Amino acid sequence: MAPRLLNHAWMSEEMALFRDQARRYIRAEMVPHLDTWRRQGYTPREVWRGFGEMGLLLPEIDEAYGGAGVPLSFQLTVQDELTLAEAPSNAVHTIAAHYIADYGTPEQKQRWLPRLVSGELVAAIAMTEPGCGSDLKALRTRARLDGEHYVIDGSKTFITQGFTANLIVVAVRTGQAGSKGVSLIVLETEGLAG
């Protein structure tokens, strides 16, 4: 069981068991490889696929999309265990999945959420830009509609998990200056040039 310090009053027995499962998996399947991943500069996609197979990647996502439909606090216990092990975080993957879960169309949710839950897709978020950092009001990357698709023109930097991600949520300017003109476009990167 979790050390006394980590047994919070709000944790149910089910959540404590889930946390123990996460801890055991992280210690067995991730910790032995941490030095290698740090040297190579990324965590292989297979790691997140294994995490997904164990039900640890996005347990809070609705069962209709492959999650367990549990409270977000289950995901936070996984984040705690990753942090305690000094292992790579799946926080960016989680945030990207929640953009889709909260704002996506039914078709987008069906297309991407099950694959994010399983680890088939590894997500990243591309917001930071050279010259303006993460200030979304100063965003320069633009997207314009060309027929049924958007053409994106600009550059991003410091994309956490960008090296291994095969689904990237990109912050772009589609309208006026300031925060009101910012949109998020989801890209599947397999086979994309540039």
N, C-alpha and C. Protein backbone atom coordinates (compact mmCIF):
# COMPACT_ATOMS: atom_id res chain seq x y z
N MET A 1 0.84 -1.19 0.00
CA MET A 1 0.00 0.00 0.00
C MET A 1 0.88 1.25 0.00
N ALA A 2 0.27 2.39 -0.34
CA ALA A 2 0.99 3.66 -0.41
C ALA A 2 1.48 4.07 0.97
N PRO A 3 2.63 4.76 1.02
CA PRO A 3 3.10 5.29 2.31
C PRO A 3 2.01 6.15 2.94
N ARG A 4 2.01 6.22 4.25
CA ARG A 4 0.99 6.95 4.98
C ARG A 4 0.81 8.38 4.44
N LEU A 5 1.92 9.02 4.09
CA LEU A 5 1.88 10.38 3.58
C LEU A 5 0.98 10.49 2.34
N LEU A 6 0.93 9.44 1.53
CA LEU A 6 0.18 9.48 0.28
C LEU A 6 -1.23 8.92 0.39
N ASN A 7 -1.62 8.46 1.55
CA ASN A 7 -2.98 7.98 1.77
C ASN A 7 -3.85 9.15 2.18
N HIS A 8 -4.44 9.81 1.22
CA HIS A 8 -5.27 10.98 1.47
C HIS A 8 -6.66 10.56 1.92
N ALA A 9 -7.31 11.42 2.68
CA ALA A 9 -8.66 11.13 3.18
C ALA A 9 -9.65 10.91 2.05
N TRP A 10 -9.44 11.56 0.91
CA TRP A 10 -10.38 11.45 -0.20
C TRP A 10 -10.16 10.19 -1.04
N MET A 11 -9.11 9.42 -0.75
CA MET A 11 -8.83 8.22 -1.54
C MET A 11 -9.69 7.05 -1.07
N SER A 12 -10.38 6.44 -2.02
CA SER A 12 -11.17 5.24 -1.72
C SER A 12 -10.24 4.03 -1.74
N GLU A 13 -10.74 2.91 -1.27
CA GLU A 13 -9.96 1.67 -1.31
C GLU A 13 -9.66 1.29 -2.76
N GLU A 14 -10.65 1.50 -3.64
CA GLU A 14 -10.46 1.20 -5.06
C GLU A 14 -9.32 2.04 -5.65
N MET A 15 -9.29 3.32 -5.27
CA MET A 15 -8.24 4.20 -5.77
C MET A 15 -6.88 3.80 -5.22
N ALA A 16 -6.82 3.41 -3.96
CA ALA A 16 -5.56 2.97 -3.36
C ALA A 16 -5.03 1.72 -4.06
N LEU A 17 -5.91 0.79 -4.41
CA LEU A 17 -5.51 -0.41 -5.14
C LEU A 17 -5.01 -0.06 -6.53
N PHE A 18 -5.70 0.88 -7.18
CA PHE A 18 -5.29 1.35 -8.50
C PHE A 18 -3.90 1.98 -8.42
N ARG A 19 -3.69 2.79 -7.40
CA ARG A 19 -2.39 3.44 -7.21
C ARG A 19 -1.29 2.39 -7.01
N ASP A 20 -1.57 1.37 -6.23
CA ASP A 20 -0.59 0.31 -6.02
C ASP A 20 -0.27 -0.41 -7.33
N GLN A 21 -1.29 -0.64 -8.16
CA GLN A 21 -1.07 -1.26 -9.47
C GLN A 21 -0.16 -0.38 -10.32
N ALA A 22 -0.43 0.92 -10.33
CA ALA A 22 0.40 1.86 -11.08
C ALA A 22 1.84 1.84 -10.56
N ARG A 23 2.01 1.87 -9.26
CA ARG A 23 3.35 1.87 -8.66
C ARG A 23 4.12 0.62 -9.07
N ARG A 24 3.48 -0.54 -8.97
CA ARG A 24 4.15 -1.80 -9.32
C ARG A 24 4.56 -1.80 -10.80
N TYR A 25 3.66 -1.35 -11.66
CA TYR A 25 3.96 -1.34 -13.10
C TYR A 25 5.11 -0.36 -13.39
N ILE A 26 5.05 0.82 -12.83
CA ILE A 26 6.09 1.82 -13.07
C ILE A 26 7.45 1.31 -12.59
N ARG A 27 7.49 0.73 -11.42
CA ARG A 27 8.76 0.21 -10.88
C ARG A 27 9.30 -0.94 -11.71
N ALA A 28 8.43 -1.81 -12.18
CA ALA A 28 8.88 -2.98 -12.93
C ALA A 28 9.21 -2.66 -14.39
N GLU A 29 8.39 -1.83 -15.03
CA GLU A 29 8.50 -1.64 -16.48
C GLU A 29 9.15 -0.33 -16.91
N MET A 30 9.24 0.63 -16.01
CA MET A 30 9.79 1.93 -16.40
C MET A 30 11.11 2.24 -15.71
N VAL A 31 11.14 2.12 -14.40
CA VAL A 31 12.32 2.52 -13.63
C VAL A 31 13.61 1.88 -14.15
N PRO A 32 13.64 0.59 -14.49
CA PRO A 32 14.89 0.00 -14.97
C PRO A 32 15.42 0.64 -16.27
N HIS A 33 14.58 1.36 -17.00
CA HIS A 33 14.97 1.92 -18.29
C HIS A 33 15.17 3.44 -18.27
N LEU A 34 14.97 4.06 -17.13
CA LEU A 34 14.99 5.53 -17.07
C LEU A 34 16.30 6.12 -17.56
N ASP A 35 17.44 5.56 -17.16
CA ASP A 35 18.73 6.12 -17.59
C ASP A 35 18.87 6.06 -19.11
N THR A 36 18.46 4.96 -19.71
CA THR A 36 18.53 4.83 -21.17
C THR A 36 17.65 5.88 -21.84
N TRP A 37 16.44 6.05 -21.36
CA TRP A 37 15.53 7.02 -21.97
C TRP A 37 16.05 8.44 -21.81
N ARG A 38 16.66 8.73 -20.67
CA ARG A 38 17.23 10.07 -20.48
C ARG A 38 18.37 10.31 -21.45
N ARG A 39 19.23 9.29 -21.64
CA ARG A 39 20.35 9.44 -22.57
C ARG A 39 19.85 9.64 -24.00
N GLN A 40 18.83 8.89 -24.40
CA GLN A 40 18.35 9.01 -25.77
C GLN A 40 17.44 10.23 -25.96
N GLY A 41 16.94 10.80 -24.85
CA GLY A 41 16.17 12.03 -24.92
C GLY A 41 14.68 11.86 -25.15
N TYR A 42 14.17 10.65 -25.08
CA TYR A 42 12.73 10.43 -25.26
C TYR A 42 12.33 9.09 -24.66
N THR A 43 11.04 8.96 -24.44
CA THR A 43 10.46 7.71 -23.96
C THR A 43 9.80 7.02 -25.15
N PRO A 44 10.14 5.78 -25.45
CA PRO A 44 9.56 5.10 -26.61
C PRO A 44 8.04 4.98 -26.52
N ARG A 45 7.40 5.01 -27.66
CA ARG A 45 5.94 4.87 -27.72
C ARG A 45 5.44 3.58 -27.08
N GLU A 46 6.23 2.52 -27.19
CA GLU A 46 5.81 1.22 -26.64
C GLU A 46 5.53 1.31 -25.15
N VAL A 47 6.23 2.20 -24.46
CA VAL A 47 6.03 2.36 -23.02
C VAL A 47 4.60 2.81 -22.75
N TRP A 48 4.15 3.80 -23.52
CA TRP A 48 2.79 4.32 -23.32
C TRP A 48 1.75 3.31 -23.79
N ARG A 49 2.10 2.50 -24.80
CA ARG A 49 1.19 1.45 -25.23
C ARG A 49 0.99 0.43 -24.09
N GLY A 50 2.08 0.08 -23.43
CA GLY A 50 1.99 -0.83 -22.29
C GLY A 50 1.19 -0.22 -21.15
N PHE A 51 1.38 1.07 -20.94
CA PHE A 51 0.63 1.80 -19.92
C PHE A 51 -0.86 1.74 -20.24
N GLY A 52 -1.18 1.91 -21.52
CA GLY A 52 -2.58 1.84 -21.96
C GLY A 52 -3.16 0.45 -21.77
N GLU A 53 -2.39 -0.57 -22.08
CA GLU A 53 -2.86 -1.96 -21.91
C GLU A 53 -3.19 -2.26 -20.46
N MET A 54 -2.48 -1.61 -19.54
CA MET A 54 -2.72 -1.82 -18.10
C MET A 54 -3.88 -0.97 -17.58
N GLY A 55 -4.43 -0.10 -18.45
CA GLY A 55 -5.53 0.78 -18.02
C GLY A 55 -5.06 1.97 -17.21
N LEU A 56 -3.77 2.31 -17.33
CA LEU A 56 -3.18 3.38 -16.53
C LEU A 56 -3.05 4.70 -17.28
N LEU A 57 -3.27 4.70 -18.59
CA LEU A 57 -2.97 5.89 -19.37
C LEU A 57 -4.02 6.99 -19.22
N LEU A 58 -5.27 6.68 -19.41
CA LEU A 58 -6.35 7.67 -19.30
C LEU A 58 -7.57 7.01 -18.65
N PRO A 59 -7.45 6.56 -17.42
CA PRO A 59 -8.56 5.82 -16.80
C PRO A 59 -9.83 6.66 -16.63
N GLU A 60 -9.68 7.97 -16.62
CA GLU A 60 -10.83 8.85 -16.38
C GLU A 60 -11.68 9.08 -17.62
N ILE A 61 -11.21 8.69 -18.78
CA ILE A 61 -11.98 8.87 -20.01
C ILE A 61 -13.19 7.93 -19.98
N ASP A 62 -14.29 8.40 -20.54
CA ASP A 62 -15.55 7.66 -20.56
C ASP A 62 -15.36 6.25 -21.14
N GLU A 63 -16.09 5.31 -20.57
CA GLU A 63 -16.02 3.91 -21.03
C GLU A 63 -16.37 3.77 -22.51
N ALA A 64 -17.21 4.65 -23.03
CA ALA A 64 -17.58 4.59 -24.45
C ALA A 64 -16.36 4.77 -25.35
N TYR A 65 -15.29 5.35 -24.82
CA TYR A 65 -14.08 5.60 -25.60
C TYR A 65 -12.90 4.78 -25.09
N GLY A 66 -13.16 3.75 -24.31
CA GLY A 66 -12.10 2.84 -23.88
C GLY A 66 -11.53 3.09 -22.50
N GLY A 67 -11.91 4.19 -21.85
CA GLY A 67 -11.44 4.45 -20.49
C GLY A 67 -12.25 3.66 -19.48
N ALA A 68 -11.97 3.90 -18.22
CA ALA A 68 -12.72 3.22 -17.16
C ALA A 68 -13.83 4.11 -16.60
N GLY A 69 -13.85 5.38 -17.01
CA GLY A 69 -14.89 6.29 -16.55
C GLY A 69 -14.80 6.62 -15.07
N VAL A 70 -13.60 6.50 -14.50
CA VAL A 70 -13.40 6.81 -13.08
C VAL A 70 -13.11 8.30 -12.91
N PRO A 71 -13.17 8.83 -11.69
CA PRO A 71 -12.86 10.25 -11.48
C PRO A 71 -11.41 10.59 -11.90
N LEU A 72 -11.20 11.84 -12.25
CA LEU A 72 -9.87 12.32 -12.65
C LEU A 72 -8.83 12.07 -11.57
N SER A 73 -9.24 11.97 -10.33
CA SER A 73 -8.29 11.73 -9.24
C SER A 73 -7.52 10.42 -9.44
N PHE A 74 -8.08 9.46 -10.17
CA PHE A 74 -7.34 8.23 -10.47
C PHE A 74 -6.12 8.57 -11.34
N GLN A 75 -6.32 9.43 -12.33
CA GLN A 75 -5.21 9.86 -13.18
C GLN A 75 -4.16 10.60 -12.35
N LEU A 76 -4.60 11.39 -11.39
CA LEU A 76 -3.66 12.15 -10.57
C LEU A 76 -2.81 11.24 -9.70
N THR A 77 -3.36 10.11 -9.28
CA THR A 77 -2.53 9.17 -8.51
C THR A 77 -1.46 8.56 -9.40
N VAL A 78 -1.77 8.33 -10.67
CA VAL A 78 -0.76 7.84 -11.62
C VAL A 78 0.33 8.90 -11.78
N GLN A 79 -0.07 10.17 -11.92
CA GLN A 79 0.90 11.26 -12.03
C GLN A 79 1.81 11.30 -10.81
N ASP A 80 1.23 11.13 -9.64
CA ASP A 80 2.02 11.10 -8.40
C ASP A 80 3.07 9.99 -8.46
N GLU A 81 2.64 8.81 -8.87
CA GLU A 81 3.56 7.67 -8.90
C GLU A 81 4.67 7.87 -9.93
N LEU A 82 4.34 8.44 -11.08
CA LEU A 82 5.37 8.74 -12.08
C LEU A 82 6.38 9.73 -11.51
N THR A 83 5.89 10.74 -10.81
CA THR A 83 6.76 11.75 -10.21
C THR A 83 7.65 11.14 -9.14
N LEU A 84 7.07 10.33 -8.26
CA LEU A 84 7.85 9.69 -7.20
C LEU A 84 8.96 8.81 -7.76
N ALA A 85 8.72 8.19 -8.90
CA ALA A 85 9.71 7.32 -9.54
C ALA A 85 10.68 8.10 -10.42
N GLU A 86 10.47 9.42 -10.54
CA GLU A 86 11.25 10.27 -11.43
C GLU A 86 11.17 9.76 -12.87
N ALA A 87 10.00 9.26 -13.22
CA ALA A 87 9.73 8.73 -14.55
C ALA A 87 9.10 9.82 -15.42
N PRO A 88 9.12 9.64 -16.74
CA PRO A 88 8.47 10.60 -17.62
C PRO A 88 6.98 10.71 -17.29
N SER A 89 6.47 11.91 -17.43
CA SER A 89 5.06 12.16 -17.13
C SER A 89 4.21 11.98 -18.38
N ASN A 90 2.97 11.61 -18.17
CA ASN A 90 2.02 11.55 -19.28
C ASN A 90 1.04 12.71 -19.19
N ALA A 91 1.42 13.78 -18.47
CA ALA A 91 0.53 14.92 -18.26
C ALA A 91 0.13 15.59 -19.57
N VAL A 92 1.08 15.79 -20.48
CA VAL A 92 0.76 16.45 -21.76
C VAL A 92 -0.21 15.59 -22.56
N HIS A 93 0.01 14.29 -22.56
CA HIS A 93 -0.90 13.35 -23.24
C HIS A 93 -2.31 13.49 -22.66
N THR A 94 -2.38 13.57 -21.33
CA THR A 94 -3.66 13.69 -20.64
C THR A 94 -4.36 15.00 -20.99
N ILE A 95 -3.62 16.10 -20.99
CA ILE A 95 -4.21 17.40 -21.32
C ILE A 95 -4.74 17.39 -22.76
N ALA A 96 -3.95 16.87 -23.69
CA ALA A 96 -4.38 16.81 -25.09
C ALA A 96 -5.65 15.96 -25.23
N ALA A 97 -5.70 14.84 -24.54
CA ALA A 97 -6.89 13.98 -24.59
C ALA A 97 -8.11 14.71 -24.06
N HIS A 98 -7.91 15.51 -23.03
CA HIS A 98 -9.05 16.24 -22.45
C HIS A 98 -9.50 17.39 -23.35
N TYR A 99 -8.61 17.98 -24.13
CA TYR A 99 -9.06 18.95 -25.14
C TYR A 99 -10.05 18.27 -26.08
N ILE A 100 -9.71 17.07 -26.52
CA ILE A 100 -10.59 16.35 -27.44
C ILE A 100 -11.87 15.91 -26.74
N ALA A 101 -11.74 15.38 -25.53
CA ALA A 101 -12.93 14.92 -24.78
C ALA A 101 -13.89 16.07 -24.48
N ASP A 102 -13.34 17.25 -24.18
CA ASP A 102 -14.17 18.39 -23.79
C ASP A 102 -14.68 19.22 -24.97
N TYR A 103 -13.90 19.30 -26.05
CA TYR A 103 -14.25 20.21 -27.14
C TYR A 103 -14.40 19.54 -28.50
N GLY A 104 -14.06 18.26 -28.60
CA GLY A 104 -14.13 17.58 -29.89
C GLY A 104 -15.55 17.25 -30.30
N THR A 105 -15.72 17.04 -31.59
CA THR A 105 -17.01 16.57 -32.11
C THR A 105 -17.16 15.09 -31.74
N PRO A 106 -18.37 14.55 -31.83
CA PRO A 106 -18.53 13.10 -31.57
C PRO A 106 -17.62 12.25 -32.47
N GLU A 107 -17.45 12.67 -33.72
CA GLU A 107 -16.60 11.92 -34.65
C GLU A 107 -15.14 11.98 -34.23
N GLN A 108 -14.68 13.16 -33.80
CA GLN A 108 -13.29 13.30 -33.34
C GLN A 108 -13.05 12.47 -32.09
N LYS A 109 -13.99 12.49 -31.17
CA LYS A 109 -13.85 11.70 -29.94
C LYS A 109 -13.73 10.22 -30.28
N GLN A 110 -14.58 9.74 -31.18
CA GLN A 110 -14.56 8.32 -31.56
C GLN A 110 -13.28 7.97 -32.30
N ARG A 111 -12.78 8.88 -33.09
CA ARG A 111 -11.58 8.63 -33.88
C ARG A 111 -10.32 8.58 -33.02
N TRP A 112 -10.20 9.52 -32.06
CA TRP A 112 -8.94 9.67 -31.34
C TRP A 112 -8.91 9.16 -29.91
N LEU A 113 -9.99 9.31 -29.16
CA LEU A 113 -9.93 8.95 -27.74
C LEU A 113 -9.59 7.48 -27.48
N PRO A 114 -10.23 6.51 -28.16
CA PRO A 114 -9.86 5.12 -27.89
C PRO A 114 -8.38 4.84 -28.17
N ARG A 115 -7.84 5.48 -29.19
CA ARG A 115 -6.44 5.27 -29.55
C ARG A 115 -5.50 5.99 -28.58
N LEU A 116 -5.96 7.08 -27.97
CA LEU A 116 -5.17 7.75 -26.92
C LEU A 116 -5.21 6.94 -25.63
N VAL A 117 -6.37 6.37 -25.31
CA VAL A 117 -6.51 5.55 -24.11
C VAL A 117 -5.63 4.30 -24.20
N SER A 118 -5.56 3.70 -25.38
CA SER A 118 -4.79 2.46 -25.55
C SER A 118 -3.29 2.70 -25.67
N GLY A 119 -2.90 3.94 -25.96
CA GLY A 119 -1.48 4.23 -26.17
C GLY A 119 -1.06 4.06 -27.62
N GLU A 120 -2.00 3.70 -28.50
CA GLU A 120 -1.68 3.62 -29.93
C GLU A 120 -1.24 4.99 -30.42
N LEU A 121 -1.92 6.02 -29.94
CA LEU A 121 -1.52 7.40 -30.22
C LEU A 121 -0.87 7.99 -28.98
N VAL A 122 0.23 8.70 -29.18
CA VAL A 122 0.89 9.45 -28.12
C VAL A 122 0.75 10.91 -28.48
N ALA A 123 0.19 11.70 -27.57
CA ALA A 123 -0.14 13.09 -27.87
C ALA A 123 0.91 14.07 -27.37
N ALA A 124 0.99 15.18 -28.07
CA ALA A 124 1.81 16.32 -27.67
C ALA A 124 0.99 17.58 -27.93
N ILE A 125 1.44 18.68 -27.36
CA ILE A 125 0.77 19.97 -27.56
C ILE A 125 1.82 20.95 -28.06
N ALA A 126 1.55 21.58 -29.21
CA ALA A 126 2.48 22.54 -29.81
C ALA A 126 1.92 23.95 -29.63
N MET A 127 2.38 24.64 -28.60
CA MET A 127 1.94 26.01 -28.34
C MET A 127 3.11 26.99 -28.37
N THR A 128 4.23 26.61 -27.77
CA THR A 128 5.37 27.51 -27.62
C THR A 128 5.99 27.83 -28.97
N GLU A 129 6.31 29.13 -29.17
CA GLU A 129 6.89 29.57 -30.44
C GLU A 129 8.17 30.35 -30.21
N PRO A 130 9.09 30.29 -31.18
CA PRO A 130 10.28 31.13 -31.09
C PRO A 130 9.87 32.60 -31.07
N GLY A 131 10.45 33.37 -30.19
CA GLY A 131 10.17 34.80 -30.16
C GLY A 131 9.02 35.23 -29.28
N CYS A 132 8.08 34.35 -28.98
CA CYS A 132 6.97 34.77 -28.11
C CYS A 132 6.68 33.76 -27.01
N GLY A 133 7.43 32.67 -26.97
CA GLY A 133 7.26 31.69 -25.90
C GLY A 133 5.87 31.08 -25.90
N SER A 134 5.30 30.99 -24.70
CA SER A 134 3.97 30.38 -24.55
C SER A 134 2.87 31.40 -24.35
N ASP A 135 3.12 32.65 -24.73
CA ASP A 135 2.11 33.71 -24.64
C ASP A 135 1.16 33.56 -25.83
N LEU A 136 0.01 32.95 -25.59
CA LEU A 136 -0.92 32.67 -26.68
C LEU A 136 -1.48 33.93 -27.32
N LYS A 137 -1.50 35.04 -26.60
CA LYS A 137 -1.97 36.29 -27.21
C LYS A 137 -1.02 36.75 -28.31
N ALA A 138 0.25 36.38 -28.20
CA ALA A 138 1.26 36.79 -29.18
C ALA A 138 1.50 35.73 -30.26
N LEU A 139 0.69 34.71 -30.29
CA LEU A 139 0.83 33.59 -31.22
C LEU A 139 0.96 34.09 -32.66
N ARG A 140 1.94 33.55 -33.39
CA ARG A 140 2.17 33.96 -34.78
C ARG A 140 1.78 32.87 -35.80
N THR A 141 1.82 31.62 -35.39
CA THR A 141 1.48 30.54 -36.33
C THR A 141 0.02 30.70 -36.75
N ARG A 142 -0.19 30.70 -38.06
CA ARG A 142 -1.53 30.93 -38.60
C ARG A 142 -2.04 29.67 -39.28
N ALA A 143 -3.35 29.57 -39.34
CA ALA A 143 -4.00 28.49 -40.09
C ALA A 143 -5.09 29.12 -40.93
N ARG A 144 -5.11 28.74 -42.20
CA ARG A 144 -6.17 29.25 -43.08
C ARG A 144 -6.86 28.06 -43.74
N LEU A 145 -8.16 28.21 -43.88
CA LEU A 145 -8.96 27.15 -44.49
C LEU A 145 -8.72 27.14 -45.99
N ASP A 146 -8.40 25.96 -46.51
CA ASP A 146 -8.17 25.77 -47.94
C ASP A 146 -9.02 24.57 -48.36
N GLY A 147 -10.22 24.85 -48.84
CA GLY A 147 -11.17 23.77 -49.15
C GLY A 147 -11.69 23.17 -47.85
N GLU A 148 -11.45 21.89 -47.66
CA GLU A 148 -11.91 21.20 -46.45
C GLU A 148 -10.81 21.05 -45.40
N HIS A 149 -9.62 21.58 -45.67
CA HIS A 149 -8.49 21.41 -44.77
C HIS A 149 -7.88 22.75 -44.41
N TYR A 150 -7.17 22.75 -43.30
CA TYR A 150 -6.42 23.94 -42.90
C TYR A 150 -4.98 23.80 -43.34
N VAL A 151 -4.41 24.92 -43.77
CA VAL A 151 -2.98 25.00 -44.07
C VAL A 151 -2.36 25.81 -42.94
N ILE A 152 -1.37 25.22 -42.28
CA ILE A 152 -0.73 25.85 -41.13
C ILE A 152 0.60 26.42 -41.57
N ASP A 153 0.86 27.67 -41.18
CA ASP A 153 2.10 28.35 -41.53
C ASP A 153 2.69 28.96 -40.26
N GLY A 154 3.85 28.47 -39.86
CA GLY A 154 4.51 28.98 -38.66
C GLY A 154 5.46 27.95 -38.10
N SER A 155 5.97 28.23 -36.91
CA SER A 155 6.89 27.28 -36.29
C SER A 155 6.63 27.19 -34.79
N LYS A 156 6.97 26.04 -34.25
CA LYS A 156 6.80 25.75 -32.82
C LYS A 156 8.13 25.25 -32.28
N THR A 157 8.30 25.34 -30.98
CA THR A 157 9.51 24.86 -30.32
C THR A 157 9.15 24.30 -28.95
N PHE A 158 10.06 23.56 -28.36
CA PHE A 158 9.86 23.00 -27.01
C PHE A 158 8.55 22.21 -26.91
N ILE A 159 8.37 21.26 -27.80
CA ILE A 159 7.15 20.45 -27.80
C ILE A 159 7.41 19.18 -26.98
N THR A 160 6.91 19.16 -25.76
CA THR A 160 7.09 17.99 -24.90
C THR A 160 6.47 16.77 -25.58
N GLN A 161 7.25 15.69 -25.69
CA GLN A 161 6.87 14.45 -26.36
C GLN A 161 6.76 14.61 -27.86
N GLY A 162 7.18 15.74 -28.40
CA GLY A 162 7.06 15.97 -29.83
C GLY A 162 7.82 14.97 -30.68
N PHE A 163 8.92 14.45 -30.14
CA PHE A 163 9.75 13.51 -30.89
C PHE A 163 9.02 12.19 -31.16
N THR A 164 8.23 11.74 -30.19
CA THR A 164 7.56 10.45 -30.35
C THR A 164 6.07 10.56 -30.61
N ALA A 165 5.51 11.75 -30.46
CA ALA A 165 4.06 11.92 -30.62
C ALA A 165 3.64 11.61 -32.05
N ASN A 166 2.47 11.00 -32.17
CA ASN A 166 1.89 10.80 -33.49
C ASN A 166 0.51 11.47 -33.58
N LEU A 167 0.20 12.29 -32.56
CA LEU A 167 -0.99 13.14 -32.57
C LEU A 167 -0.60 14.43 -31.84
N ILE A 168 -0.69 15.55 -32.53
CA ILE A 168 -0.26 16.82 -31.94
C ILE A 168 -1.40 17.83 -31.99
N VAL A 169 -1.69 18.42 -30.85
CA VAL A 169 -2.66 19.51 -30.77
C VAL A 169 -1.86 20.79 -30.96
N VAL A 170 -2.17 21.53 -32.03
CA VAL A 170 -1.40 22.72 -32.40
C VAL A 170 -2.24 23.97 -32.16
N ALA A 171 -1.68 24.91 -31.41
CA ALA A 171 -2.33 26.21 -31.20
C ALA A 171 -1.98 27.10 -32.38
N VAL A 172 -3.01 27.64 -33.03
CA VAL A 172 -2.83 28.47 -34.23
C VAL A 172 -3.73 29.69 -34.15
N ARG A 173 -3.38 30.68 -34.93
CA ARG A 173 -4.22 31.86 -35.04
C ARG A 173 -5.11 31.68 -36.26
N THR A 174 -6.42 31.72 -36.03
CA THR A 174 -7.38 31.62 -37.13
C THR A 174 -8.23 32.88 -37.23
N GLY A 175 -8.02 33.80 -36.32
CA GLY A 175 -8.83 35.01 -36.31
C GLY A 175 -8.04 36.21 -35.84
N GLN A 176 -8.74 37.10 -35.19
CA GLN A 176 -8.19 38.38 -34.75
C GLN A 176 -7.03 38.22 -33.79
N ALA A 177 -6.33 39.32 -33.54
CA ALA A 177 -5.23 39.34 -32.58
C ALA A 177 -5.77 39.09 -31.17
N GLY A 178 -4.90 38.64 -30.29
CA GLY A 178 -5.31 38.38 -28.92
C GLY A 178 -5.80 36.96 -28.74
N SER A 179 -6.31 36.67 -27.57
CA SER A 179 -6.69 35.29 -27.24
C SER A 179 -7.94 34.81 -27.96
N LYS A 180 -8.81 35.70 -28.40
CA LYS A 180 -10.06 35.30 -29.06
C LYS A 180 -9.83 34.68 -30.44
N GLY A 181 -8.69 34.95 -31.05
CA GLY A 181 -8.42 34.44 -32.38
C GLY A 181 -7.62 33.16 -32.42
N VAL A 182 -7.48 32.49 -31.26
CA VAL A 182 -6.67 31.27 -31.19
C VAL A 182 -7.56 30.03 -31.30
N SER A 183 -7.12 29.07 -32.10
CA SER A 183 -7.82 27.80 -32.25
C SER A 183 -6.85 26.66 -32.02
N LEU A 184 -7.38 25.48 -31.76
CA LEU A 184 -6.58 24.27 -31.64
C LEU A 184 -6.91 23.35 -32.81
N ILE A 185 -5.88 22.90 -33.50
CA ILE A 185 -6.04 21.97 -34.62
C ILE A 185 -5.29 20.69 -34.25
N VAL A 186 -5.94 19.56 -34.46
CA VAL A 186 -5.34 18.27 -34.13
C VAL A 186 -4.75 17.66 -35.40
N LEU A 187 -3.47 17.27 -35.31
CA LEU A 187 -2.79 16.65 -36.44
C LEU A 187 -2.35 15.24 -36.10
N GLU A 188 -2.67 14.29 -36.97
CA GLU A 188 -2.05 12.98 -36.88
C GLU A 188 -0.79 13.08 -37.72
N THR A 189 0.35 12.78 -37.15
CA THR A 189 1.61 13.08 -37.82
C THR A 189 2.15 11.95 -38.69
N GLU A 190 1.60 10.76 -38.61
CA GLU A 190 2.10 9.66 -39.45
C GLU A 190 1.98 10.06 -40.91
N GLY A 191 3.11 10.06 -41.61
CA GLY A 191 3.11 10.36 -43.03
C GLY A 191 3.09 11.83 -43.39
N LEU A 192 3.08 12.72 -42.39
CA LEU A 192 3.10 14.15 -42.69
C LEU A 192 4.51 14.61 -42.98
N ALA A 193 4.64 15.51 -43.93
CA ALA A 193 5.94 16.13 -44.21
C ALA A 193 6.00 17.47 -43.50
N GLY A 194 7.19 17.83 -43.03
CA GLY A 194 7.37 19.16 -42.46
C GLY A 194 7.16 19.30 -41.02
